Amino acid sequence: MAAPATAPPPPSNLRRIVAASLVGTTVEWYDFFLYGSAAALVFNKLFFPESDPLVGTLLSFLTYAVGFAARPIGALVFGHYGDRLGRKKLLVLSLLMMGGATFAIGLMPTHATIGSAAPVLLTVLRLVQGFALGGEWGGAVLLVSEHGDAKRRGFWASWPQTGAPAGQLLATGVLSALTALMSDSAFGAWGWRIPFLLSGVLVILGLWIRLSVDESPVFKAALAQAEQRKAAAAPAEKMPLVAVLRHHWRDVLIAMGARMAENISYYVITAFILVYATTSADLSKQTALNAVLIASAVHFAVIPLWGALSDRVGRRPVYLVGAIGVALWMFPFFALIDSRSFGGLLLAVTVGLIFHGAMYAPQAAFFAEMFATRMRYSGASIGAQFSSVAAGAPAPLIATALLADFGSSTPISLYVIAAALVTVLAILCAKETRSRDLTDMEPDAGRQAADTAALPADARGV
């Protein structure tokens, strides 16, 4: 496709756009990961107290997985309106929904107070979280991708991706501090509510920054062209979902496959690890939380570096390094945890997240570059979120069930390796997108232009 034609925006404006996306995604991922950590540590006792401890953990992770089931619905709804109304409006809505649900969890009565209604209410709020997050990711990365310098799109678009480790860092840090300062009984009685209630403060901060940015100029141009077509009585645009499935179905499948190893490995490394380290390796909750905390800081630092590298060598090579690296690391990962030392646990999680970052960093630019402007929010969101139902949603659940059935980490390692093979195959089937121009308004516009240029002059009407 043609080389990027858009001029880079002023650095100050671009930094503001990046900050708005990063703060918003950090808040959203803080909310989401906070639930995952609480599911592993306390929800099994608070909401499923009559179950066997490991069964209670499975039920707790099941409510965790329910949030993923709502993600595709959020992707469809937010993608549709994001492609019709703009990125900014939908990002504000997703932030309010996510933060409101998390704050409400902090106020919820437990099983001891209202019985079986407690896990039902918990599941409903988890569905709201998943719905909001399903629409958040696509809009956040597109806002940066469509504003940014095309030559450094991989680097700039990777910053919203750092919202995941930043949210993990924040959530784990708050939980780690509370478990260090409070007794287990106090934390289980009321201390676990504090980090959920803090979400209200974070949402206000996120809204203040997010409301200060402008709509994507690429989307504005595409919307103006659509209005011109409408005024000229041209055929009406198809719904974004229909257009995606017609013109980009192959790209959607590639995006879904690309997310398998990235999604599954991440939740095994950061969520299931809290179960494995505290049960099979007999390490304390505090030790496991501290390891994830430090590793998340490293993860945050390496994501922009991987993103910058994808601008130099391409999205596909960097993504492949991550997928292959995660597959090769799985057996050493569990062997290091089984050493029952903090150093071994820290090394296992840190290296795992470094390899994960090689997939996660270029993903934002990679997915954005696959789709035309007026269907980009839908395409990127559908490709990213539909795969989460089969990948991230059941990952801690499957890993916990495998551990319960086999009493060994070997089946879990093979599970992640199988996901990595799917991802490698998807990336090998993908085309390199690094040089694509996001200002293309129509699907396959660049390819049509190239085909036209290759025709004889008389055939082109010259």
Protein backbone atom coordinates (compact mmCIF):
# COMPACT_ATOMS: atom_id res chain seq x y z
CA MET A 1 0.00 0.00 0.00
CA ALA A 2 1.02 3.60 -0.35
CA ALA A 3 3.47 5.15 2.05
CA PRO A 4 1.94 7.10 4.89
CA ALA A 5 0.83 10.50 3.73
CA THR A 6 -0.26 12.21 6.92
CA ALA A 7 1.99 14.76 8.57
CA PRO A 8 2.99 14.08 12.18
CA PRO A 9 0.93 16.07 14.72
CA PRO A 10 2.65 18.52 17.09
CA PRO A 11 4.55 16.57 19.79
CA SER A 12 2.64 18.27 22.62
CA ASN A 13 -0.72 17.31 21.10
CA LEU A 14 0.38 13.74 20.50
CA ARG A 15 1.63 13.38 24.06
CA ARG A 16 -1.75 14.61 25.34
CA ILE A 17 -3.54 12.04 23.18
CA VAL A 18 -1.23 9.29 24.44
CA ALA A 19 -1.77 10.38 28.05
CA ALA A 20 -5.55 10.34 27.61
CA SER A 21 -5.51 6.84 26.19
CA LEU A 22 -2.99 5.57 28.71
CA VAL A 23 -4.79 6.94 31.77
CA GLY A 24 -8.10 5.56 30.58
CA THR A 25 -6.76 2.09 29.79
CA THR A 26 -4.85 2.03 33.08
CA VAL A 27 -8.06 2.72 35.01
CA GLU A 28 -9.99 0.12 33.03
CA TRP A 29 -7.31 -2.55 33.43
CA TYR A 30 -6.88 -1.69 37.12
CA ASP A 31 -10.56 -2.45 37.58
CA PHE A 32 -10.38 -5.65 35.55
CA PHE A 33 -7.20 -7.04 37.14
CA LEU A 34 -8.29 -6.07 40.60
CA TYR A 35 -11.21 -8.43 40.18
CA GLY A 36 -8.90 -11.19 38.92
CA SER A 37 -6.57 -10.86 41.89
CA ALA A 38 -9.46 -10.72 44.35
CA ALA A 39 -10.99 -13.79 42.69
CA ALA A 40 -7.79 -15.71 43.35
CA LEU A 41 -7.32 -14.45 46.93
CA VAL A 42 -10.63 -13.75 48.72
CA PHE A 43 -13.77 -14.11 46.59
CA ASN A 44 -13.80 -17.88 46.96
CA LYS A 45 -14.31 -17.43 50.72
CA LEU A 46 -16.60 -14.39 50.58
CA PHE A 47 -19.01 -15.50 47.87
CA PHE A 48 -18.64 -19.33 47.76
CA PRO A 49 -17.91 -20.24 51.40
CA GLU A 50 -19.69 -23.61 51.35
CA SER A 51 -17.40 -25.06 48.65
CA ASP A 52 -14.14 -26.96 48.92
CA PRO A 53 -11.27 -24.38 48.77
CA LEU A 54 -10.11 -25.37 45.27
CA VAL A 55 -13.71 -25.70 44.04
CA GLY A 56 -14.44 -22.29 45.52
CA THR A 57 -11.49 -20.91 43.58
CA LEU A 58 -12.84 -22.50 40.40
CA LEU A 59 -16.26 -20.89 40.99
CA SER A 60 -14.59 -17.58 41.70
CA PHE A 61 -12.64 -17.78 38.44
CA LEU A 62 -15.88 -18.71 36.69
CA THR A 63 -17.35 -15.31 37.60
CA TYR A 64 -14.04 -13.88 36.39
CA ALA A 65 -14.52 -15.63 33.04
CA VAL A 66 -18.08 -14.31 32.73
CA GLY A 67 -16.64 -10.84 32.22
CA PHE A 68 -14.90 -12.07 29.10
CA ALA A 69 -18.18 -13.39 27.72
CA ALA A 70 -19.50 -9.82 27.68
CA ARG A 71 -16.46 -8.49 25.84
CA PRO A 72 -17.58 -9.49 22.33
CA ILE A 73 -20.94 -7.81 22.92
CA GLY A 74 -19.14 -4.68 24.03
CA ALA A 75 -16.90 -4.91 20.95
CA LEU A 76 -19.92 -5.10 18.64
CA VAL A 77 -21.85 -2.25 20.28
CA PHE A 78 -18.94 0.11 20.90
CA GLY A 79 -17.35 -0.76 17.56
CA HIS A 80 -20.55 0.04 15.66
CA TYR A 81 -21.13 3.39 17.33
CA GLY A 82 -17.43 4.20 17.46
CA ASP A 83 -17.27 3.88 13.67
CA ARG A 84 -20.45 5.95 13.29
CA LEU A 85 -20.09 8.61 16.02
CA GLY A 86 -16.39 8.75 16.78
CA ARG A 87 -13.79 7.27 19.11
CA LYS A 88 -13.86 9.85 21.91
CA LYS A 89 -17.55 9.66 22.91
CA LEU A 90 -17.47 5.89 23.28
CA LEU A 91 -14.25 5.97 25.28
CA VAL A 92 -15.82 8.30 27.84
CA LEU A 93 -18.84 5.99 28.15
CA SER A 94 -16.72 2.86 28.59
CA LEU A 95 -14.70 4.51 31.35
CA LEU A 96 -17.85 5.50 33.27
CA MET A 97 -19.35 2.02 32.98
CA MET A 98 -16.19 0.23 34.03
CA GLY A 99 -15.48 2.50 36.98
CA GLY A 100 -19.08 2.48 38.16
CA ALA A 101 -19.25 -1.32 38.19
CA THR A 102 -15.97 -1.62 40.08
CA PHE A 103 -17.02 0.96 42.69
CA ALA A 104 -20.28 -0.96 43.17
CA ILE A 105 -18.37 -4.20 43.81
CA GLY A 106 -16.63 -2.42 46.69
CA LEU A 107 -20.04 -1.76 48.27
CA MET A 108 -21.50 -5.22 47.69
CA PRO A 109 -22.78 -7.43 50.53
CA THR A 110 -21.21 -10.89 50.70
CA HIS A 111 -22.70 -14.39 50.94
CA ALA A 112 -22.78 -14.12 54.73
CA THR A 113 -25.17 -11.16 54.46
CA ILE A 114 -27.54 -11.92 51.57
CA GLY A 115 -26.79 -15.54 50.72
CA SER A 116 -26.88 -16.77 47.13
CA ALA A 117 -27.90 -13.35 45.83
CA ALA A 118 -24.32 -12.15 46.46
CA PRO A 119 -22.60 -14.20 43.71
CA VAL A 120 -25.49 -13.33 41.35
CA LEU A 121 -24.96 -9.60 41.87
CA LEU A 122 -21.21 -10.09 41.56
CA THR A 123 -21.71 -11.81 38.21
CA VAL A 124 -23.93 -8.97 36.92
CA LEU A 125 -21.34 -6.35 37.80
CA ARG A 126 -18.66 -8.51 36.22
CA LEU A 127 -20.71 -8.56 33.01
CA VAL A 128 -20.82 -4.75 33.02
CA GLN A 129 -17.04 -4.66 33.46
CA GLY A 130 -16.52 -7.01 30.53
CA PHE A 131 -18.95 -5.12 28.29
CA ALA A 132 -17.14 -1.84 28.94
CA LEU A 133 -13.67 -3.29 28.46
CA GLY A 134 -14.77 -4.90 25.20
CA GLY A 135 -15.33 -1.42 23.80
CA GLU A 136 -12.45 0.35 25.53
CA TRP A 137 -9.43 -1.28 23.95
CA GLY A 138 -10.25 -0.65 20.30
CA GLY A 139 -11.09 3.01 20.82
CA ALA A 140 -8.03 3.74 22.96
CA VAL A 141 -5.49 2.29 20.54
CA LEU A 142 -7.22 3.81 17.51
CA LEU A 143 -7.26 7.27 19.03
CA VAL A 144 -3.46 7.15 19.26
CA SER A 145 -2.88 5.26 16.00
CA GLU A 146 -5.00 7.70 13.99
CA HIS A 147 -3.40 10.77 15.56
CA GLY A 148 0.18 9.60 15.60
CA ASP A 149 3.27 9.90 13.46
CA ALA A 150 2.98 7.12 10.87
CA LYS A 151 6.72 6.37 10.96
CA ARG A 152 6.58 5.74 14.72
CA ARG A 153 3.04 4.35 14.95
CA GLY A 154 4.19 1.13 16.58
CA PHE A 155 5.92 3.04 19.36
CA TRP A 156 3.13 5.55 20.05
CA ALA A 157 0.32 3.00 19.75
CA SER A 158 2.11 0.72 22.22
CA TRP A 159 1.64 3.25 25.02
CA PRO A 160 -2.07 2.50 25.54
CA GLN A 161 -0.95 -1.13 25.76
CA THR A 162 1.16 -0.22 28.80
CA GLY A 163 -2.17 0.47 30.50
CA ALA A 164 -2.43 -3.29 31.06
CA PRO A 165 0.77 -3.66 33.12
CA ALA A 166 0.16 -0.23 34.68
CA GLY A 167 -3.30 -1.37 35.79
CA GLN A 168 -1.85 -4.68 36.95
CA LEU A 169 0.91 -2.81 38.77
CA LEU A 170 -1.57 -0.51 40.46
CA ALA A 171 -4.03 -3.25 41.38
CA THR A 172 -1.35 -5.63 42.64
CA GLY A 173 0.45 -2.81 44.45
CA VAL A 174 -2.67 -1.77 46.35
CA LEU A 175 -3.50 -5.38 47.24
CA SER A 176 0.11 -6.08 48.24
CA ALA A 177 0.21 -3.03 50.51
CA LEU A 178 -3.09 -3.93 52.14
CA THR A 179 -2.13 -7.57 52.75
CA ALA A 180 1.17 -6.41 54.23
CA LEU A 181 -0.44 -3.86 56.56
CA MET A 182 -3.54 -5.81 57.54
CA SER A 183 -4.19 -9.19 59.09
CA ASP A 184 -5.82 -11.86 56.95
CA SER A 185 -9.02 -11.59 58.96
CA ALA A 186 -9.23 -7.80 58.58
CA PHE A 187 -8.48 -7.97 54.87
CA GLY A 188 -11.13 -10.66 54.38
CA ALA A 189 -13.70 -8.76 56.45
CA TRP A 190 -13.43 -5.28 54.91
CA GLY A 191 -9.94 -4.49 53.61
CA TRP A 192 -10.59 -6.04 50.20
CA ARG A 193 -13.20 -3.31 49.53
CA ILE A 194 -10.70 -0.44 49.65
CA PRO A 195 -9.06 -0.96 46.22
CA PHE A 196 -12.48 -1.29 44.55
CA LEU A 197 -13.69 1.97 46.10
CA LEU A 198 -10.48 3.74 45.02
CA SER A 199 -11.63 3.19 41.46
CA GLY A 200 -13.99 6.17 41.86
CA VAL A 201 -11.04 8.54 42.29
CA LEU A 202 -9.24 7.05 39.30
CA VAL A 203 -12.30 7.41 37.07
CA ILE A 204 -12.56 11.13 37.84
CA LEU A 205 -8.90 11.57 36.88
CA GLY A 206 -9.36 9.55 33.69
CA LEU A 207 -12.42 11.53 32.64
CA TRP A 208 -10.71 14.86 33.22
CA ILE A 209 -7.87 13.91 30.88
CA ARG A 210 -9.96 12.04 28.31
CA LEU A 211 -12.49 14.84 27.85
CA SER A 212 -9.66 17.28 26.99
CA VAL A 213 -8.58 15.58 23.74
CA ASP A 214 -9.88 15.98 20.20
CA GLU A 215 -11.51 13.37 17.99
CA SER A 216 -9.24 11.44 15.61
CA PRO A 217 -8.47 13.54 12.47
CA VAL A 218 -8.49 10.39 10.35
CA PHE A 219 -12.02 9.60 11.53
CA LYS A 220 -13.13 13.21 10.97
CA ALA A 221 -11.91 13.04 7.37
CA ALA A 222 -13.66 9.70 6.79
CA LEU A 223 -16.88 11.03 8.32
CA ALA A 224 -16.73 14.14 6.10
CA GLN A 225 -16.32 11.95 3.03
CA ALA A 226 -19.27 9.82 4.11
CA GLU A 227 -21.41 12.96 4.42
CA GLN A 228 -20.36 14.04 0.92
CA ARG A 229 -21.36 10.64 -0.44
CA LYS A 230 -24.71 10.93 1.29
CA ALA A 231 -25.29 14.44 -0.09
CA ALA A 232 -24.46 13.21 -3.58
CA ALA A 233 -27.08 10.45 -3.24
CA ALA A 234 -24.41 7.77 -3.44
CA PRO A 235 -25.24 4.27 -2.15
CA ALA A 236 -25.52 4.22 1.63
CA GLU A 237 -22.64 2.84 3.65
CA LYS A 238 -23.07 -0.66 4.98
CA MET A 239 -23.13 -1.22 8.72
CA PRO A 240 -19.54 -1.45 10.03
CA LEU A 241 -20.04 -5.06 11.14
CA VAL A 242 -21.34 -6.09 7.71
CA ALA A 243 -18.49 -4.25 5.98
CA VAL A 244 -15.90 -5.90 8.24
CA LEU A 245 -17.21 -9.40 7.58
CA ARG A 246 -17.38 -8.69 3.85
CA HIS A 247 -14.02 -7.01 3.29
CA HIS A 248 -11.89 -8.04 6.28
CA TRP A 249 -13.05 -11.49 7.42
CA ARG A 250 -9.54 -12.88 6.87
CA ASP A 251 -8.00 -10.11 8.99
CA VAL A 252 -10.52 -10.78 11.77
CA LEU A 253 -9.51 -14.46 11.86
CA ILE A 254 -5.82 -13.53 11.88
CA ALA A 255 -6.36 -11.10 14.77
CA MET A 256 -8.23 -13.76 16.72
CA GLY A 257 -5.48 -16.30 16.18
CA ALA A 258 -2.79 -13.76 17.05
CA ARG A 259 -4.41 -13.15 20.42
CA MET A 260 -4.50 -16.79 21.55
CA ALA A 261 -0.96 -17.04 22.94
CA GLU A 262 -0.90 -13.42 24.05
CA ASN A 263 -4.16 -13.67 26.01
CA ILE A 264 -3.75 -17.15 27.49
CA SER A 265 -0.12 -16.68 28.55
CA TYR A 266 -0.89 -13.37 30.24
CA TYR A 267 -3.64 -14.69 32.47
CA VAL A 268 -1.69 -17.83 33.33
CA ILE A 269 1.35 -15.71 34.27
CA THR A 270 -0.48 -13.00 36.24
CA ALA A 271 -3.75 -14.51 37.55
CA PHE A 272 -3.30 -18.28 37.82
CA ILE A 273 0.17 -17.77 39.26
CA LEU A 274 -1.44 -16.52 42.49
CA VAL A 275 -3.14 -19.89 42.85
CA TYR A 276 -0.18 -22.06 41.81
CA ALA A 277 2.40 -20.24 43.91
CA THR A 278 0.30 -20.34 47.07
CA THR A 279 -0.92 -23.96 46.75
CA SER A 280 1.59 -26.09 44.84
CA ALA A 281 4.73 -24.11 45.71
CA ASP A 282 3.65 -23.24 49.28
CA LEU A 283 4.64 -19.59 48.89
CA SER A 284 2.77 -16.82 50.69
CA LYS A 285 0.23 -14.52 49.06
CA GLN A 286 2.54 -11.60 49.79
CA THR A 287 5.46 -13.27 48.01
CA ALA A 288 3.39 -14.03 44.92
CA LEU A 289 1.93 -10.51 44.81
CA ASN A 290 5.37 -8.93 45.17
CA ALA A 291 6.74 -10.99 42.27
CA VAL A 292 3.86 -9.98 40.00
CA LEU A 293 4.28 -6.37 41.13
CA ILE A 294 7.97 -6.16 40.18
CA ALA A 295 7.50 -8.11 36.94
CA SER A 296 4.64 -5.79 35.91
CA ALA A 297 6.98 -2.80 36.26
CA VAL A 298 9.43 -4.47 33.88
CA HIS A 299 6.55 -5.33 31.55
CA PHE A 300 5.52 -1.67 31.49
CA ALA A 301 9.06 -0.61 30.56
CA VAL A 302 9.63 -3.09 27.73
CA ILE A 303 6.35 -2.62 25.85
CA PRO A 304 7.33 0.73 24.24
CA LEU A 305 10.73 -0.78 23.36
CA TRP A 306 9.08 -3.68 21.54
CA GLY A 307 6.73 -1.18 19.87
CA ALA A 308 9.66 0.91 18.64
CA LEU A 309 11.37 -2.21 17.33
CA SER A 310 8.26 -3.09 15.34
CA ASP A 311 8.62 0.28 13.55
CA ARG A 312 12.08 -0.77 12.40
CA VAL A 313 11.70 -4.46 11.55
CA GLY A 314 7.93 -4.88 11.20
CA ARG A 315 5.02 -6.06 13.33
CA ARG A 316 5.22 -9.74 12.35
CA PRO A 317 8.84 -10.49 13.37
CA VAL A 318 8.41 -8.93 16.81
CA TYR A 319 5.11 -10.75 17.36
CA LEU A 320 6.72 -14.07 16.40
CA VAL A 321 9.53 -13.54 18.91
CA GLY A 322 6.93 -13.19 21.64
CA ALA A 323 4.85 -16.22 20.66
CA ILE A 324 7.83 -18.54 20.24
CA GLY A 325 9.48 -17.19 23.38
CA VAL A 326 6.39 -17.84 25.53
CA ALA A 327 6.17 -21.41 24.21
CA LEU A 328 9.82 -22.13 25.00
CA TRP A 329 9.58 -20.52 28.44
CA MET A 330 6.63 -22.45 29.86
CA PHE A 331 8.49 -25.47 31.26
CA PRO A 332 11.29 -23.35 32.80
CA PHE A 333 8.56 -21.02 34.10
CA PHE A 334 6.97 -23.65 36.33
CA ALA A 335 10.32 -25.23 37.22
CA LEU A 336 11.50 -21.90 38.62
CA ILE A 337 8.31 -21.49 40.67
CA ASP A 338 8.69 -25.02 42.01
CA SER A 339 12.09 -23.98 43.41
CA ARG A 340 9.99 -22.22 46.09
CA SER A 341 12.29 -19.21 46.15
CA PHE A 342 11.31 -15.60 45.59
CA GLY A 343 14.15 -15.18 43.09
CA GLY A 344 12.97 -18.12 41.01
CA LEU A 345 9.36 -16.91 41.08
CA LEU A 346 10.38 -13.37 40.10
CA LEU A 347 12.55 -14.57 37.21
CA ALA A 348 9.77 -16.84 35.95
CA VAL A 349 7.13 -14.11 35.88
CA THR A 350 9.46 -11.36 34.57
CA VAL A 351 10.79 -13.29 31.58
CA GLY A 352 7.29 -14.54 30.79
CA LEU A 353 5.96 -10.97 30.71
CA ILE A 354 8.89 -9.76 28.59
CA PHE A 355 7.98 -12.31 25.93
CA HIS A 356 4.31 -11.39 26.32
CA GLY A 357 5.23 -7.75 25.70
CA ALA A 358 6.71 -8.67 22.32
CA MET A 359 3.22 -9.76 21.25
CA TYR A 360 1.25 -7.10 23.08
CA ALA A 361 3.31 -4.06 22.01
CA PRO A 362 2.91 -4.26 18.21
CA GLN A 363 -0.65 -5.56 18.50
CA ALA A 364 -2.26 -2.10 18.68
CA ALA A 365 -0.70 -0.76 15.47
CA PHE A 366 -0.89 -4.17 13.78
CA PHE A 367 -4.65 -4.54 14.27
CA ALA A 368 -5.37 -0.89 13.45
CA GLU A 369 -3.47 -1.19 10.17
CA MET A 370 -5.53 -4.19 9.07
CA PHE A 371 -8.83 -2.31 8.67
CA ALA A 372 -10.24 0.64 6.70
CA THR A 373 -11.15 3.77 8.68
CA ARG A 374 -14.96 3.51 8.73
CA MET A 375 -14.84 -0.07 9.99
CA ARG A 376 -11.58 0.06 11.97
CA TYR A 377 -13.13 0.32 15.46
CA SER A 378 -15.43 -2.63 14.71
CA GLY A 379 -12.74 -4.73 13.03
CA ALA A 380 -10.03 -4.23 15.63
CA SER A 381 -12.47 -4.70 18.53
CA ILE A 382 -14.10 -7.82 17.10
CA GLY A 383 -10.76 -9.44 16.27
CA ALA A 384 -9.36 -8.65 19.69
CA GLN A 385 -12.37 -9.38 21.90
CA PHE A 386 -14.03 -12.38 20.28
CA SER A 387 -10.82 -14.34 20.77
CA SER A 388 -10.81 -13.46 24.48
CA VAL A 389 -13.81 -15.74 25.03
CA ALA A 390 -11.78 -18.76 23.95
CA ALA A 391 -8.43 -17.48 25.23
CA GLY A 392 -8.23 -15.26 28.31
CA ALA A 393 -11.67 -16.05 29.73
CA PRO A 394 -11.15 -19.73 30.51
CA ALA A 395 -7.34 -19.60 30.93
CA PRO A 396 -7.20 -19.39 34.76
CA LEU A 397 -10.18 -21.77 34.96
CA ILE A 398 -8.58 -24.35 32.66
CA ALA A 399 -5.20 -24.03 34.37
CA THR A 400 -6.77 -24.50 37.82
CA ALA A 401 -8.79 -27.50 36.61
CA LEU A 402 -5.69 -29.10 35.03
CA LEU A 403 -3.80 -28.62 38.28
CA ALA A 404 -6.66 -30.17 40.27
CA ASP A 405 -6.98 -33.17 37.93
CA PHE A 406 -3.30 -33.94 37.27
CA GLY A 407 -1.52 -32.35 40.22
CA SER A 408 1.20 -31.23 37.81
CA SER A 409 2.15 -28.14 35.81
CA THR A 410 3.00 -30.16 32.67
CA PRO A 411 -0.55 -30.10 31.18
CA ILE A 412 -0.68 -26.33 31.82
CA SER A 413 2.60 -25.82 29.96
CA LEU A 414 1.31 -27.87 27.02
CA TYR A 415 -1.90 -25.82 27.03
CA VAL A 416 0.03 -22.56 26.62
CA ILE A 417 2.36 -24.09 24.00
CA ALA A 418 -0.66 -25.19 21.94
CA ALA A 419 -1.99 -21.62 22.04
CA ALA A 420 1.42 -20.34 20.92
CA LEU A 421 1.36 -22.66 17.89
CA VAL A 422 -2.02 -21.20 16.87
CA THR A 423 -0.61 -17.69 17.16
CA VAL A 424 2.52 -18.50 15.16
CA LEU A 425 0.35 -19.94 12.37
CA ALA A 426 -1.87 -16.83 12.36
CA ILE A 427 1.09 -14.45 12.16
CA LEU A 428 2.66 -16.47 9.34
CA CYS A 429 -0.60 -16.12 7.42
CA ALA A 430 -0.73 -12.35 8.00
CA LYS A 431 0.69 -9.64 5.77
CA GLU A 432 3.14 -7.07 7.10
CA THR A 433 1.25 -3.83 7.79
CA ARG A 434 3.99 -1.46 8.96
CA SER A 435 3.91 0.80 5.87
CA ARG A 436 0.12 1.04 5.49
CA ASP A 437 -1.59 4.44 5.39
CA LEU A 438 -4.46 4.80 7.86
CA THR A 439 -5.97 7.62 5.78
CA ASP A 440 -7.27 5.10 3.23
CA MET A 441 -11.03 5.63 3.44
CA GLU A 442 -12.26 2.55 1.64
CA PRO A 443 -11.39 -1.13 2.09
CA ASP A 444 -8.57 -2.17 -0.22
CA ALA A 445 -8.17 1.42 -1.41
CA GLY A 446 -4.42 1.13 -1.63
CA ARG A 447 -4.59 -2.14 -3.53
CA GLN A 448 -7.13 -0.67 -5.97
CA ALA A 449 -4.86 2.31 -6.57
CA ALA A 450 -1.91 0.04 -7.21
CA ASP A 451 -3.89 -2.09 -9.65
CA THR A 452 -5.07 1.01 -11.50
CA ALA A 453 -1.54 2.35 -11.80
CA ALA A 454 -0.41 -0.96 -13.32
CA LEU A 455 -2.93 -0.74 -16.19
CA PRO A 456 -1.99 0.63 -19.65
CA ALA A 457 -2.58 4.36 -20.09
CA ASP A 458 -5.55 3.89 -22.44
CA ALA A 459 -7.20 1.51 -19.98
CA ARG A 460 -6.85 4.14 -17.27
CA GLY A 461 -8.46 6.75 -19.51
CA VAL A 462 -5.18 8.69 -19.96
